[in-house]
C-alpha atoms as a PDB file:
ATOM      1  CA  MET A   1       0.000   0.000   0.000  1.00  0.00           C
ATOM      2  CA  SER A   2       1.323   3.461  -0.777  1.00  0.00           C
ATOM      3  CA  LYS A   3       2.138   5.945   1.943  1.00  0.00           C
ATOM      4  CA  ASP A   4      -0.552   8.331   0.695  1.00  0.00           C
ATOM      5  CA  VAL A   5      -3.273   5.709   1.100  1.00  0.00           C
ATOM      6  CA  ILE A   6      -2.027   4.834   4.574  1.00  0.00           C
ATOM      7  CA  ALA A   7      -2.049   8.525   5.541  1.00  0.00           C
ATOM      8  CA  ILE A   8      -5.636   8.894   4.335  1.00  0.00           C
ATOM      9  CA  VAL A   9      -6.719   5.755   6.225  1.00  0.00           C
ATOM     10  CA  ALA A  10      -5.002   7.105   9.354  1.00  0.00           C
ATOM     11  CA  ILE A  11      -6.837  10.432   9.116  1.00  0.00           C
ATOM     12  CA  VAL A  12     -10.180   8.716   8.501  1.00  0.00           C
ATOM     13  CA  SER A  13      -9.517   6.369  11.414  1.00  0.00           C
ATOM     14  CA  PHE A  14      -8.729   9.323  13.661  1.00  0.00           C
ATOM     15  CA  VAL A  15     -12.006  11.030  12.715  1.00  0.00           C
ATOM     16  CA  ILE A  16     -13.975   7.814  13.264  1.00  0.00           C
ATOM     17  CA  TRP A  17     -12.527   7.315  16.748  1.00  0.00           C
ATOM     18  CA  ILE A  18     -13.328  10.924  17.659  1.00  0.00           C
ATOM     19  CA  ALA A  19     -16.930  10.265  16.607  1.00  0.00           C
ATOM     20  CA  VAL A  20     -16.966   7.076  18.707  1.00  0.00           C
ATOM     21  CA  SER A  21     -15.712   8.930  21.766  1.00  0.00           C
ATOM     22  CA  ARG A  22     -18.302  11.686  21.325  1.00  0.00           C
ATOM     23  CA  GLU A  23     -21.089   9.133  21.014  1.00  0.00           C
ATOM     24  CA  ALA A  24     -19.786   7.195  24.017  1.00  0.00           C
ATOM     25  CA  ALA A  25     -19.710  10.346  26.160  1.00  0.00           C
ATOM     26  CA  LYS A  26     -23.482  10.702  25.901  1.00  0.00           C
ATOM     27  CA  PRO A  27     -25.752   9.304  28.618  1.00  0.00           C
ATOM     28  CA  SER A  28     -26.666   5.680  27.961  1.00  0.00           C
ATOM     29  CA  LYS A  29     -30.256   6.418  26.962  1.00  0.00           C
ATOM     30  CA  GLU A  30     -29.188   8.989  24.349  1.00  0.00           C
ATOM     31  CA  ILE A  31     -26.655   6.774  22.553  1.00  0.00           C
ATOM     32  CA  LYS A  32     -27.782   5.770  19.070  1.00  0.00           C
ATOM     33  CA  TRP A  33     -26.687   2.136  19.145  1.00  0.00           C
ATOM     34  CA  PRO A  34     -26.821   1.389  15.398  1.00  0.00           C
ATOM     35  CA  ILE A  35     -24.546   4.377  14.762  1.00  0.00           C
ATOM     36  CA  MET A  36     -22.274   3.374  17.638  1.00  0.00           C
ATOM     37  CA  ILE A  37     -21.924  -0.202  16.346  1.00  0.00           C
ATOM     38  CA  THR A  38     -21.231   1.053  12.817  1.00  0.00           C
ATOM     39  CA  LEU A  39     -18.592   3.502  14.042  1.00  0.00           C
ATOM     40  CA  LEU A  40     -16.934   0.880  16.237  1.00  0.00           C
ATOM     41  CA  SER A  41     -16.835  -1.583  13.353  1.00  0.00           C
ATOM     42  CA  ALA A  42     -15.371   0.983  10.961  1.00  0.00           C
ATOM     43  CA  GLY A  43     -12.848   2.121  13.565  1.00  0.00           C
ATOM     44  CA  THR A  44     -11.759  -1.424  14.298  1.00  0.00           C
ATOM     45  CA  LEU A  45     -11.387  -2.216  10.602  1.00  0.00           C
ATOM     46  CA  SER A  46      -9.351   0.918   9.930  1.00  0.00           C
ATOM     47  CA  ALA A  47      -7.126   0.227  12.953  1.00  0.00           C
ATOM     48  CA  LEU A  48      -6.595  -3.320  11.694  1.00  0.00           C
ATOM     49  CA  VAL A  49      -5.605  -2.041   8.234  1.00  0.00           C
ATOM     50  CA  LEU A  50      -3.145   0.397   9.797  1.00  0.00           C
ATOM     51  CA  THR A  51      -1.669  -2.288  12.057  1.00  0.00           C
ATOM     52  CA  ILE A  52      -1.187  -4.734   9.182  1.00  0.00           C
ATOM     53  CA  SER A  53       0.420  -2.070   7.006  1.00  0.00           C
ATOM     54  CA  LEU A  54       2.721  -1.109   9.873  1.00  0.00           C
ATOM     55  CA  PHE A  55       3.901  -4.690  10.381  1.00  0.00           C
ATOM     56  CA  GLN A  56       4.397  -5.166   6.644  1.00  0.00           C
ATOM     57  CA  SER A  57       6.644  -2.127   6.498  1.00  0.00           C
ATOM     58  CA  LEU A  58       8.926  -3.337   9.328  1.00  0.00           C
ATOM     59  CA  PRO A  59      12.293  -4.635   8.170  1.00  0.00           C
ATOM     60  CA  PHE A  60      13.042  -8.156   9.332  1.00  0.00           C
END
């Protein structure tokens, strides 16, 4: 993966996790659970992509 794509995925991941933290800061009854589950899934997937790309770029 190119460094530009990884940078874009990192920025998108950062924005997603900010949205997750804002949603999680709400009182329990005000949390929109479908949105929260979608954001958590997208954040986890983007973090996984970043982790895999990081390990692939390590010299062994």
